[in-house]
Amino acid sequence: MSGPADLAFDPWDPAFLADPYPAYAELRARGRVIRYEPTDQWLVPHHADVSALLRDRRLGRTYQHRFTHEEFGRTAPPPAHEPFHTLNDHGMLDLEPPDHTRIRRLVSKAFTPRTVERLRPYVHGLADELVAGLVRDGGGDLLTDVAEPLPVAVIAELLGIPPADRGPLRPWSAAICGMYELNPSEETAARAVRASQEFSGYLRELIAERRGRPGDDLISGLIAAHDEDGGRLTEQEMISTAVLLLNAGHEATVNATVNGWWALFRNPGQLAALRADHGLVPTAIEELMRYDTPLQLFERWVLDDIEIDGITIPRGAEIAMLFGSANHDPAVFSAPARLDLARADNPHISFSAGIHYCIGAPLARLELTASMTALLRRAPTLALTTEPTRKPNFVIRGLEGLDVEVR
């Protein structure tokens, strides 16, 4: 339990952001839980602990279902941030039972495996179209030409957002997601608040329109969904659910795509094996999500005292579960620093676990499969042109761009 001064873990250091995995190995060697003063958190780096804590009901994404801010020893967010917190705090990712259970059950009625399956032709068709454009141009930025437009369009299609209205979706999402980084600045908060207000306003109008003219889309499904007792989602819960589905439904896919291809370019032997055998795509997607994890950290509040490795972590503390470290834990993954696209035993936790397991995981896998298959088939000579720049973020790990050419 050493202080941060002698830790290689530094989420604001560009060298750490470029490759955090050696620092994670050091954290795992230090112990099962490490106090980190700069963020006032307890870091948990081992796979077994992260996996168990994701299912531990003594932890929560919120504490406000049981305590006031004062009772929990925390300061309420500034009033100026209220639009962001209203939007964020009514989404099921940041709720605990019974509200989480109720909302997830209702969302599940609208967001079914059949819904995802119905999107399959659209997803593969759009992936083919985007990759064909990349090939026609002789290359481009894989991020902006394929990785971003595919999942954003798919979620917009799923929600029923008209094509003419989709332009602001990615900027709104990026601004809101800035608040999930460690110690966000006031400038970041102001952007998130503005985006929360604009996005909420847009969805309020769309929901009103769908109430009068329901369609075959998720917004209409959320309006219609009700539980056995006749309960329905409130308007705010529908707005927050739609924003959550957009943010969570494309951020991970975008970053898994560019992180994954950057990893493939750095491991030419594995890329050659994938190009020779497209049957590797399913295990390749799981391995790439493990190898360079899109979501590096997931936070939970301690609702009741817990003990980890003889250390009592008190109620009111915050735990930071390090997904990236857990996915490189040698106790679970053989030679974790090696990219192995044929890795069969791969219990990565990139989609979380427990009651907050990603409801959109099947859709994410469909999108990743579609884009990878299209790139392998239509652009077999795809090559990197310039080494990419890592985004200056830690929690949501991605690249500024990925410039490629089709030779």
Protein backbone atom coordinates (compact mmCIF):
# COMPACT_ATOMS: atom_id res chain seq x y z
CA MET A 1 0.00 0.00 0.00
CA SER A 2 2.64 2.49 -1.09
CA GLY A 3 1.92 6.10 -1.96
CA PRO A 4 1.57 7.33 -5.54
CA ALA A 5 5.00 8.97 -5.58
CA ASP A 6 6.69 5.64 -6.22
CA LEU A 7 4.01 4.21 -8.51
CA ALA A 8 4.35 3.97 -12.29
CA PHE A 9 0.55 4.31 -12.41
CA ASP A 10 -0.08 7.90 -13.55
CA PRO A 11 -3.25 8.43 -15.64
CA TRP A 12 -2.10 11.90 -16.75
CA ASP A 13 1.35 10.85 -18.02
CA PRO A 14 1.51 10.47 -21.84
CA ALA A 15 4.04 7.64 -21.46
CA PHE A 16 1.63 5.76 -19.20
CA LEU A 17 -1.28 6.41 -21.57
CA ALA A 18 0.76 5.07 -24.47
CA ASP A 19 1.25 1.74 -22.67
CA PRO A 20 -0.28 1.35 -19.20
CA TYR A 21 0.17 -2.41 -19.04
CA PRO A 22 3.68 -2.51 -17.44
CA ALA A 23 2.39 -0.18 -14.69
CA TYR A 24 -0.53 -2.55 -14.13
CA ALA A 25 1.90 -5.42 -13.65
CA GLU A 26 3.61 -3.35 -10.96
CA LEU A 27 0.26 -2.64 -9.28
CA ARG A 28 -0.64 -6.34 -9.24
CA ALA A 29 2.73 -7.09 -7.65
CA ARG A 30 2.05 -4.45 -4.96
CA GLY A 31 -1.08 -6.17 -3.73
CA ARG A 32 -4.78 -6.64 -4.23
CA VAL A 33 -5.79 -3.08 -3.36
CA ILE A 34 -3.73 0.14 -3.48
CA ARG A 35 -4.72 3.54 -2.12
CA TYR A 36 -4.32 6.28 -4.76
CA GLU A 37 -4.46 9.77 -3.25
CA PRO A 38 -4.64 11.90 -6.47
CA THR A 39 -8.13 10.56 -7.23
CA ASP A 40 -9.12 9.58 -3.66
CA GLN A 41 -9.72 6.00 -4.80
CA TRP A 42 -8.73 2.43 -4.01
CA LEU A 43 -7.27 0.73 -7.09
CA VAL A 44 -8.13 -2.95 -7.64
CA PRO A 45 -5.87 -4.51 -10.31
CA HIS A 46 -6.45 -8.30 -10.12
CA HIS A 47 -8.95 -10.17 -12.31
CA ALA A 48 -10.40 -12.30 -9.49
CA ASP A 49 -11.08 -9.27 -7.30
CA VAL A 50 -12.51 -7.13 -10.11
CA SER A 51 -14.77 -9.98 -11.23
CA ALA A 52 -16.00 -10.58 -7.67
CA LEU A 53 -16.51 -6.90 -6.84
CA LEU A 54 -18.57 -6.32 -9.99
CA ARG A 55 -21.07 -8.76 -8.45
CA ASP A 56 -20.76 -7.54 -4.84
CA ARG A 57 -23.95 -5.82 -3.66
CA ARG A 58 -21.99 -3.96 -0.95
CA LEU A 59 -20.78 -1.76 -3.80
CA GLY A 60 -22.90 0.49 -5.97
CA ARG A 61 -22.75 2.81 -8.96
CA THR A 62 -24.70 5.27 -6.83
CA TYR A 63 -25.27 5.75 -3.11
CA GLN A 64 -28.23 8.09 -3.29
CA HIS A 65 -30.76 5.24 -3.05
CA ARG A 66 -29.53 4.75 0.54
CA PHE A 67 -27.73 7.89 1.71
CA THR A 68 -27.71 11.65 1.29
CA HIS A 69 -24.46 13.24 0.16
CA GLU A 70 -23.85 14.40 3.74
CA GLU A 71 -24.54 10.97 5.28
CA PHE A 72 -22.11 9.42 2.80
CA GLY A 73 -19.39 11.97 3.52
CA ARG A 74 -19.45 13.37 0.00
CA THR A 75 -20.08 16.83 -1.42
CA ALA A 76 -23.04 17.33 -3.73
CA PRO A 77 -22.14 18.23 -7.33
CA PRO A 78 -22.15 21.96 -8.14
CA PRO A 79 -25.64 23.23 -9.15
CA ALA A 80 -24.20 24.31 -12.52
CA HIS A 81 -23.55 20.62 -13.34
CA GLU A 82 -27.18 19.61 -12.65
CA PRO A 83 -28.23 19.00 -16.32
CA PHE A 84 -25.43 16.46 -16.74
CA HIS A 85 -26.22 14.66 -13.48
CA THR A 86 -29.97 14.58 -14.15
CA LEU A 87 -29.25 12.96 -17.50
CA ASN A 88 -26.56 10.61 -16.19
CA ASP A 89 -28.19 9.61 -12.91
CA HIS A 90 -31.43 8.37 -14.49
CA GLY A 91 -29.68 5.88 -16.78
CA MET A 92 -29.58 2.27 -15.62
CA LEU A 93 -25.76 2.18 -15.63
CA ASP A 94 -25.75 4.60 -12.69
CA LEU A 95 -28.68 3.16 -10.78
CA GLU A 96 -28.99 0.33 -8.28
CA PRO A 97 -31.95 -1.94 -7.49
CA PRO A 98 -34.86 -1.55 -7.37
CA ASP A 99 -34.72 1.25 -9.99
CA HIS A 100 -31.99 -0.49 -12.01
CA THR A 101 -33.97 -3.74 -12.05
CA ARG A 102 -37.16 -2.02 -13.17
CA ILE A 103 -35.52 0.03 -15.95
CA ARG A 104 -33.34 -2.80 -17.26
CA ARG A 105 -36.38 -5.09 -17.40
CA LEU A 106 -38.36 -2.52 -19.39
CA VAL A 107 -35.42 -1.72 -21.71
CA SER A 108 -34.91 -5.45 -22.27
CA LYS A 109 -38.50 -5.70 -23.53
CA ALA A 110 -37.63 -3.25 -26.31
CA PHE A 111 -33.95 -4.16 -26.79
CA THR A 112 -34.30 -7.87 -27.51
CA PRO A 113 -32.02 -10.37 -29.27
CA ARG A 114 -34.61 -10.29 -32.08
CA THR A 115 -34.13 -6.51 -32.36
CA VAL A 116 -30.37 -7.00 -32.73
CA GLU A 117 -30.82 -9.83 -35.21
CA ARG A 118 -33.13 -7.65 -37.30
CA LEU A 119 -30.28 -5.13 -37.60
CA ARG A 120 -27.82 -7.72 -38.96
CA PRO A 121 -28.37 -7.01 -42.69
CA TYR A 122 -28.23 -3.25 -42.07
CA VAL A 123 -24.99 -3.52 -40.04
CA HIS A 124 -23.20 -5.71 -42.58
CA GLY A 125 -24.49 -3.65 -45.50
CA LEU A 126 -23.32 -0.37 -43.93
CA ALA A 127 -19.91 -1.86 -43.01
CA ASP A 128 -19.44 -3.01 -46.61
CA GLU A 129 -20.45 0.41 -47.90
CA LEU A 130 -18.06 2.27 -45.58
CA VAL A 131 -15.14 -0.04 -46.35
CA ALA A 132 -15.86 0.17 -50.09
CA GLY A 133 -15.54 3.95 -49.80
CA LEU A 134 -12.22 3.59 -47.98
CA VAL A 135 -10.93 1.28 -50.71
CA ARG A 136 -12.19 3.57 -53.47
CA ASP A 137 -10.23 6.46 -51.93
CA GLY A 138 -7.08 4.33 -51.60
CA GLY A 139 -7.21 4.71 -47.81
CA GLY A 140 -8.04 7.34 -45.22
CA ASP A 141 -8.64 7.58 -41.49
CA LEU A 142 -10.04 4.28 -40.26
CA LEU A 143 -11.48 6.12 -37.24
CA THR A 144 -13.60 8.69 -39.09
CA ASP A 145 -14.25 6.65 -42.25
CA VAL A 146 -15.34 3.33 -40.69
CA ALA A 147 -15.00 2.98 -36.91
CA GLU A 148 -17.15 5.99 -35.93
CA PRO A 149 -19.89 6.16 -38.58
CA LEU A 150 -20.82 2.47 -38.31
CA PRO A 151 -21.92 2.18 -34.65
CA VAL A 152 -23.29 5.75 -34.49
CA ALA A 153 -25.54 5.05 -37.49
CA VAL A 154 -26.57 1.66 -36.08
CA ILE A 155 -27.61 3.08 -32.70
CA ALA A 156 -29.36 6.00 -34.40
CA GLU A 157 -31.20 3.51 -36.64
CA LEU A 158 -32.11 1.42 -33.60
CA LEU A 159 -33.43 4.43 -31.69
CA GLY A 160 -35.25 5.79 -34.73
CA ILE A 161 -33.29 9.05 -35.05
CA PRO A 162 -33.77 10.33 -38.63
CA PRO A 163 -30.59 10.51 -40.77
CA ALA A 164 -30.88 14.30 -41.10
CA ASP A 165 -30.68 14.67 -37.30
CA ARG A 166 -27.61 12.48 -36.69
CA GLY A 167 -24.84 15.04 -37.16
CA PRO A 168 -24.67 16.25 -33.53
CA LEU A 169 -24.85 12.77 -31.97
CA ARG A 170 -21.12 12.01 -31.91
CA PRO A 171 -20.11 15.51 -30.65
CA TRP A 172 -22.81 15.38 -27.93
CA SER A 173 -21.63 11.94 -26.86
CA ALA A 174 -17.94 12.94 -26.79
CA ALA A 175 -18.73 15.98 -24.63
CA ILE A 176 -20.81 13.97 -22.16
CA CYS A 177 -18.25 11.15 -21.94
CA GLY A 178 -15.56 13.67 -20.99
CA MET A 179 -17.09 13.64 -17.50
CA TYR A 180 -16.19 9.99 -17.04
CA GLU A 181 -12.47 10.75 -16.99
CA LEU A 182 -10.63 11.17 -13.70
CA ASN A 183 -10.92 14.66 -12.14
CA PRO A 184 -12.55 16.38 -15.16
CA SER A 185 -11.90 20.11 -15.56
CA GLU A 186 -14.54 22.84 -15.32
CA GLU A 187 -14.23 23.35 -19.07
CA THR A 188 -14.98 19.64 -19.60
CA ALA A 189 -17.96 19.93 -17.25
CA ALA A 190 -19.32 22.98 -19.09
CA ARG A 191 -19.17 21.13 -22.42
CA ALA A 192 -20.91 18.11 -20.87
CA VAL A 193 -23.65 20.28 -19.38
CA ARG A 194 -24.29 22.04 -22.70
CA ALA A 195 -24.40 18.72 -24.58
CA SER A 196 -26.70 17.21 -21.94
CA GLN A 197 -29.15 20.09 -22.35
CA GLU A 198 -29.11 19.98 -26.15
CA PHE A 199 -29.34 16.19 -26.43
CA SER A 200 -32.11 16.02 -23.81
CA GLY A 201 -34.06 18.75 -25.57
CA TYR A 202 -33.81 16.95 -28.90
CA LEU A 203 -34.94 13.62 -27.43
CA ARG A 204 -37.83 15.25 -25.58
CA GLU A 205 -39.18 16.46 -28.94
CA LEU A 206 -38.56 13.08 -30.60
CA ILE A 207 -40.37 11.22 -27.79
CA ALA A 208 -43.35 13.59 -28.09
CA GLU A 209 -43.45 12.92 -31.83
CA ARG A 210 -43.26 9.12 -31.34
CA ARG A 211 -46.09 9.21 -28.79
CA GLY A 212 -48.33 10.52 -31.56
CA ARG A 213 -46.85 8.41 -34.36
CA PRO A 214 -45.19 5.24 -33.02
CA GLY A 215 -42.71 3.49 -35.30
CA ASP A 216 -40.73 0.26 -35.41
CA ASP A 217 -37.88 1.71 -33.35
CA LEU A 218 -36.50 1.58 -29.82
CA ILE A 219 -37.86 4.99 -28.74
CA SER A 220 -41.37 3.77 -29.63
CA GLY A 221 -40.62 0.51 -27.86
CA LEU A 222 -39.53 2.31 -24.70
CA ILE A 223 -42.73 4.39 -24.74
CA ALA A 224 -44.83 1.23 -25.09
CA ALA A 225 -42.89 -0.97 -22.63
CA HIS A 226 -44.55 -1.64 -19.30
CA ASP A 227 -44.05 -4.16 -16.52
CA GLU A 228 -46.52 -6.56 -14.92
CA ASP A 229 -47.79 -3.84 -12.60
CA GLY A 230 -48.42 -1.46 -15.48
CA GLY A 231 -45.37 0.67 -14.61
CA ARG A 232 -43.68 2.56 -17.42
CA LEU A 233 -40.51 4.52 -17.94
CA THR A 234 -40.71 8.22 -17.09
CA GLU A 235 -39.80 10.68 -19.82
CA GLN A 236 -36.47 11.38 -18.08
CA GLU A 237 -35.72 7.65 -17.84
CA MET A 238 -36.39 7.27 -21.57
CA ILE A 239 -34.13 10.23 -22.38
CA SER A 240 -31.35 8.93 -20.13
CA THR A 241 -31.71 5.41 -21.54
CA ALA A 242 -31.46 6.66 -25.13
CA VAL A 243 -28.33 8.70 -24.33
CA LEU A 244 -26.77 5.78 -22.46
CA LEU A 245 -27.43 3.47 -25.41
CA LEU A 246 -25.80 5.92 -27.79
CA ASN A 247 -22.79 6.65 -25.57
CA ALA A 248 -22.12 3.10 -24.39
CA GLY A 249 -23.33 1.66 -27.68
CA HIS A 250 -20.68 3.28 -29.83
CA GLU A 251 -17.75 4.46 -27.66
CA ALA A 252 -16.55 0.92 -26.90
CA THR A 253 -17.06 -0.22 -30.50
CA VAL A 254 -15.23 2.77 -31.99
CA ASN A 255 -12.26 2.34 -29.68
CA ALA A 256 -12.20 -1.45 -29.92
CA THR A 257 -11.99 -1.05 -33.71
CA VAL A 258 -9.07 1.38 -33.84
CA ASN A 259 -7.23 -0.07 -30.83
CA GLY A 260 -7.68 -3.50 -32.39
CA TRP A 261 -6.34 -2.60 -35.83
CA TRP A 262 -3.44 -0.69 -34.30
CA ALA A 263 -2.62 -3.87 -32.34
CA LEU A 264 -2.86 -5.95 -35.51
CA PHE A 265 -0.49 -3.65 -37.39
CA ARG A 266 2.00 -3.99 -34.51
CA ASN A 267 1.69 -7.78 -34.64
CA PRO A 268 2.08 -8.60 -38.34
CA GLY A 269 2.29 -12.35 -37.75
CA GLN A 270 -1.13 -12.37 -36.13
CA LEU A 271 -2.56 -10.11 -38.84
CA ALA A 272 -1.23 -12.48 -41.51
CA ALA A 273 -2.85 -15.44 -39.73
CA LEU A 274 -6.19 -13.58 -39.60
CA ARG A 275 -6.00 -12.67 -43.28
CA ALA A 276 -5.28 -16.30 -44.12
CA ASP A 277 -8.16 -17.60 -42.00
CA HIS A 278 -11.24 -15.39 -41.59
CA GLY A 279 -12.64 -18.10 -39.32
CA LEU A 280 -10.49 -16.53 -36.59
CA VAL A 281 -12.68 -13.40 -36.52
CA PRO A 282 -14.83 -14.39 -33.49
CA THR A 283 -11.89 -15.20 -31.21
CA ALA A 284 -9.87 -12.31 -32.68
CA ILE A 285 -12.54 -9.81 -31.60
CA GLU A 286 -12.56 -11.14 -28.03
CA GLU A 287 -8.75 -11.13 -27.89
CA LEU A 288 -8.42 -7.60 -29.25
CA MET A 289 -10.91 -6.33 -26.64
CA ARG A 290 -8.82 -8.04 -23.96
CA TYR A 291 -5.44 -7.01 -25.33
CA ASP A 292 -6.11 -3.26 -25.42
CA THR A 293 -9.25 -2.71 -23.36
CA PRO A 294 -11.53 0.16 -24.54
CA LEU A 295 -12.83 0.90 -21.01
CA GLN A 296 -9.87 0.84 -18.64
CA LEU A 297 -11.56 1.68 -15.34
CA PHE A 298 -14.98 1.25 -13.75
CA GLU A 299 -15.86 2.97 -10.48
CA ARG A 300 -18.04 1.80 -7.60
CA TRP A 301 -18.98 3.34 -4.26
CA VAL A 302 -18.54 1.34 -1.06
CA LEU A 303 -22.02 1.18 0.50
CA ASP A 304 -20.99 -1.08 3.39
CA ASP A 305 -17.50 -1.70 4.77
CA ILE A 306 -15.65 -4.41 2.85
CA GLU A 307 -12.34 -6.15 3.43
CA ILE A 308 -9.84 -6.93 0.69
CA ASP A 309 -6.65 -8.77 1.58
CA GLY A 310 -6.95 -7.80 5.24
CA ILE A 311 -7.54 -4.11 4.45
CA THR A 312 -10.88 -2.62 5.48
CA ILE A 313 -12.27 -0.21 2.92
CA PRO A 314 -14.87 1.93 4.66
CA ARG A 315 -18.33 2.98 3.60
CA GLY A 316 -18.09 6.19 1.58
CA ALA A 317 -14.86 5.22 -0.19
CA GLU A 318 -14.62 4.80 -3.95
CA ILE A 319 -13.13 1.76 -5.64
CA ALA A 320 -11.58 1.92 -9.12
CA MET A 321 -11.65 -1.48 -10.78
CA LEU A 322 -8.92 -1.61 -13.41
CA PHE A 323 -10.37 -3.55 -16.34
CA GLY A 324 -7.19 -3.14 -18.39
CA SER A 325 -5.11 -4.65 -15.60
CA ALA A 326 -7.59 -7.47 -14.95
CA ASN A 327 -7.50 -8.37 -18.64
CA HIS A 328 -3.71 -8.76 -18.42
CA ASP A 329 -3.62 -10.75 -15.19
CA PRO A 330 -1.27 -13.76 -15.68
CA ALA A 331 -3.25 -15.67 -13.04
CA VAL A 332 -6.04 -15.90 -15.63
CA PHE A 333 -4.45 -15.33 -19.05
CA SER A 334 -1.45 -17.28 -20.27
CA ALA A 335 1.23 -14.87 -21.58
CA PRO A 336 -1.16 -11.88 -21.32
CA ALA A 337 1.21 -9.46 -23.08
CA ARG A 338 1.11 -11.65 -26.20
CA LEU A 339 -1.60 -11.05 -28.79
CA ASP A 340 -3.08 -14.47 -29.58
CA LEU A 341 -6.05 -14.26 -31.94
CA ALA A 342 -6.77 -17.96 -31.46
CA ARG A 343 -6.94 -17.64 -27.64
CA ALA A 344 -9.78 -19.96 -26.68
CA ASP A 345 -9.97 -19.45 -22.92
CA ASN A 346 -10.64 -15.71 -22.73
CA PRO A 347 -12.81 -14.58 -19.79
CA HIS A 348 -12.09 -10.87 -20.36
CA ILE A 349 -14.28 -8.38 -18.52
CA SER A 350 -14.38 -5.66 -21.17
CA PHE A 351 -18.20 -5.77 -21.09
CA SER A 352 -18.26 -5.67 -17.26
CA ALA A 353 -20.14 -8.31 -15.22
CA GLY A 354 -22.98 -8.71 -12.75
CA ILE A 355 -26.15 -6.63 -12.97
CA HIS A 356 -24.33 -3.95 -14.98
CA TYR A 357 -23.12 -6.35 -17.68
CA CYS A 358 -23.35 -4.49 -20.99
CA ILE A 359 -26.84 -4.94 -22.43
CA GLY A 360 -25.46 -4.00 -25.86
CA ALA A 361 -22.66 -6.60 -25.96
CA PRO A 362 -24.35 -8.69 -28.71
CA LEU A 363 -24.76 -5.58 -30.87
CA ALA A 364 -21.14 -4.52 -30.27
CA ARG A 365 -19.93 -7.97 -31.32
CA LEU A 366 -22.10 -7.81 -34.44
CA GLU A 367 -20.66 -4.41 -35.42
CA LEU A 368 -17.06 -5.47 -34.75
CA THR A 369 -17.57 -8.66 -36.77
CA ALA A 370 -19.12 -6.74 -39.66
CA SER A 371 -16.35 -4.12 -39.91
CA MET A 372 -13.51 -6.61 -39.46
CA THR A 373 -14.95 -9.04 -42.01
CA ALA A 374 -15.50 -6.24 -44.55
CA LEU A 375 -11.94 -4.92 -44.08
CA LEU A 376 -10.40 -8.38 -44.39
CA ARG A 377 -12.39 -9.18 -47.53
CA ARG A 378 -12.38 -5.83 -49.33
CA ALA A 379 -9.04 -4.39 -48.15
CA PRO A 380 -6.64 -7.36 -47.80
CA THR A 381 -3.64 -5.05 -48.32
CA LEU A 382 -4.70 -2.51 -45.67
CA ALA A 383 -1.57 -0.96 -44.15
CA LEU A 384 -0.70 1.75 -41.66
CA THR A 385 0.72 4.99 -43.09
CA THR A 386 1.62 6.94 -39.93
CA GLU A 387 1.93 5.96 -36.29
CA PRO A 388 -1.24 7.12 -34.52
CA THR A 389 -1.54 9.53 -31.60
CA ARG A 390 -3.15 8.26 -28.43
CA LYS A 391 -6.07 10.32 -27.09
CA PRO A 392 -5.11 12.09 -23.83
CA ASN A 393 -7.74 10.06 -21.95
CA PHE A 394 -7.31 7.20 -19.54
CA VAL A 395 -10.73 5.77 -18.68
CA ILE A 396 -11.99 5.60 -22.29
CA ARG A 397 -8.95 4.43 -24.24
CA GLY A 398 -8.71 5.33 -27.90
CA LEU A 399 -6.76 7.00 -30.69
CA GLU A 400 -7.01 10.44 -32.30
CA GLY A 401 -7.10 8.68 -35.67
CA LEU A 402 -5.67 5.71 -37.59
CA ASP A 403 -4.36 6.63 -41.06
CA VAL A 404 -4.29 3.69 -43.44
CA GLU A 405 -3.77 2.99 -47.13
CA VAL A 406 -5.05 0.25 -49.42
CA ARG A 407 -2.13 -0.75 -51.55
